[in-house]
N, C-alpha and C. Protein backbone atom coordinates (compact mmCIF):
# COMPACT_ATOMS: atom_id res chain seq x y z
N LEU A 1 -1.92 -7.66 23.90
CA LEU A 1 -2.17 -9.08 23.62
C LEU A 1 -2.89 -9.23 22.29
N ILE A 2 -3.89 -8.39 22.05
CA ILE A 2 -4.68 -8.51 20.81
C ILE A 2 -3.82 -8.21 19.57
N PRO A 3 -3.03 -7.12 19.56
CA PRO A 3 -2.23 -6.84 18.35
C PRO A 3 -1.27 -7.99 18.03
N LEU A 4 -0.71 -8.63 19.07
CA LEU A 4 0.22 -9.74 18.84
C LEU A 4 -0.51 -10.89 18.18
N LEU A 5 -1.69 -11.24 18.70
CA LEU A 5 -2.47 -12.33 18.11
C LEU A 5 -2.85 -11.99 16.68
N ARG A 6 -3.23 -10.71 16.47
CA ARG A 6 -3.64 -10.29 15.12
C ARG A 6 -2.46 -10.42 14.16
N THR A 7 -1.27 -10.03 14.61
CA THR A 7 -0.08 -10.12 13.76
C THR A 7 0.23 -11.57 13.42
N GLN A 8 0.19 -12.44 14.43
CA GLN A 8 0.45 -13.86 14.19
C GLN A 8 -0.59 -14.43 13.24
N PHE A 9 -1.86 -14.00 13.41
CA PHE A 9 -2.95 -14.49 12.55
C PHE A 9 -2.68 -14.11 11.11
N PHE A 10 -2.27 -12.85 10.89
CA PHE A 10 -2.00 -12.40 9.52
C PHE A 10 -0.80 -13.14 8.93
N ILE A 11 0.22 -13.41 9.75
CA ILE A 11 1.40 -14.13 9.27
C ILE A 11 1.00 -15.55 8.86
N VAL A 12 0.21 -16.22 9.71
CA VAL A 12 -0.23 -17.59 9.41
C VAL A 12 -1.09 -17.60 8.16
N MET A 13 -2.02 -16.64 8.05
CA MET A 13 -2.90 -16.59 6.87
C MET A 13 -2.07 -16.33 5.62
N GLY A 14 -1.05 -15.48 5.73
CA GLY A 14 -0.19 -15.19 4.58
C GLY A 14 0.56 -16.43 4.13
N LEU A 15 1.06 -17.21 5.11
CA LEU A 15 1.77 -18.44 4.76
C LEU A 15 0.83 -19.44 4.11
N VAL A 16 -0.37 -19.60 4.69
CA VAL A 16 -1.35 -20.54 4.13
C VAL A 16 -1.72 -20.10 2.71
N ASP A 17 -1.83 -18.78 2.51
CA ASP A 17 -2.20 -18.26 1.19
C ASP A 17 -1.06 -18.47 0.20
N ALA A 18 0.19 -18.50 0.69
CA ALA A 18 1.35 -18.61 -0.20
C ALA A 18 1.69 -20.07 -0.53
N ILE A 19 1.18 -21.01 0.27
CA ILE A 19 1.52 -22.43 0.06
C ILE A 19 1.24 -22.88 -1.38
N PRO A 20 0.05 -22.61 -1.95
CA PRO A 20 -0.20 -23.05 -3.33
C PRO A 20 0.77 -22.44 -4.33
N MET A 21 1.08 -21.15 -4.16
CA MET A 21 2.02 -20.49 -5.08
C MET A 21 3.40 -21.12 -4.96
N ILE A 22 3.83 -21.41 -3.72
CA ILE A 22 5.13 -22.03 -3.50
C ILE A 22 5.15 -23.42 -4.13
N ALA A 23 4.05 -24.17 -3.96
CA ALA A 23 3.98 -25.52 -4.52
C ALA A 23 4.07 -25.47 -6.04
N VAL A 24 3.34 -24.52 -6.66
CA VAL A 24 3.37 -24.38 -8.12
C VAL A 24 4.78 -24.01 -8.58
N GLY A 25 5.40 -23.06 -7.88
CA GLY A 25 6.74 -22.63 -8.24
C GLY A 25 7.74 -23.79 -8.14
N LEU A 26 7.67 -24.55 -7.05
CA LEU A 26 8.58 -25.68 -6.89
C LEU A 26 8.31 -26.73 -7.95
N GLY A 27 7.02 -26.98 -8.25
CA GLY A 27 6.67 -27.96 -9.27
C GLY A 27 7.25 -27.58 -10.62
N LEU A 28 7.08 -26.30 -11.01
CA LEU A 28 7.61 -25.84 -12.30
C LEU A 28 9.14 -25.93 -12.31
N TYR A 29 9.77 -25.54 -11.19
CA TYR A 29 11.23 -25.57 -11.11
C TYR A 29 11.74 -27.00 -11.27
N VAL A 30 11.12 -27.94 -10.55
CA VAL A 30 11.56 -29.34 -10.63
C VAL A 30 11.33 -29.87 -12.04
N MET A 31 10.17 -29.51 -12.64
CA MET A 31 9.84 -29.99 -13.98
C MET A 31 10.90 -29.53 -14.98
N PHE A 32 11.27 -28.24 -14.91
CA PHE A 32 12.26 -27.71 -15.86
C PHE A 32 13.66 -28.21 -15.52
N ALA A 33 13.94 -28.40 -14.23
CA ALA A 33 15.27 -28.86 -13.83
C ALA A 33 15.49 -30.30 -14.30
N VAL A 34 14.47 -31.14 -14.15
CA VAL A 34 14.59 -32.55 -14.56
C VAL A 34 14.58 -32.65 -16.08
N ALA A 35 13.72 -31.83 -16.72
CA ALA A 35 13.61 -31.88 -18.19
C ALA A 35 14.74 -31.03 -18.80
């Protein structure tokens, strides 16, 4: 039970940590695509 929770925790933390990078990447892509 504990390893499963730990794995899910790390996956969630990884996604939360990646959200800003994804947002920046999408922002740059849209900026260059529109421009």
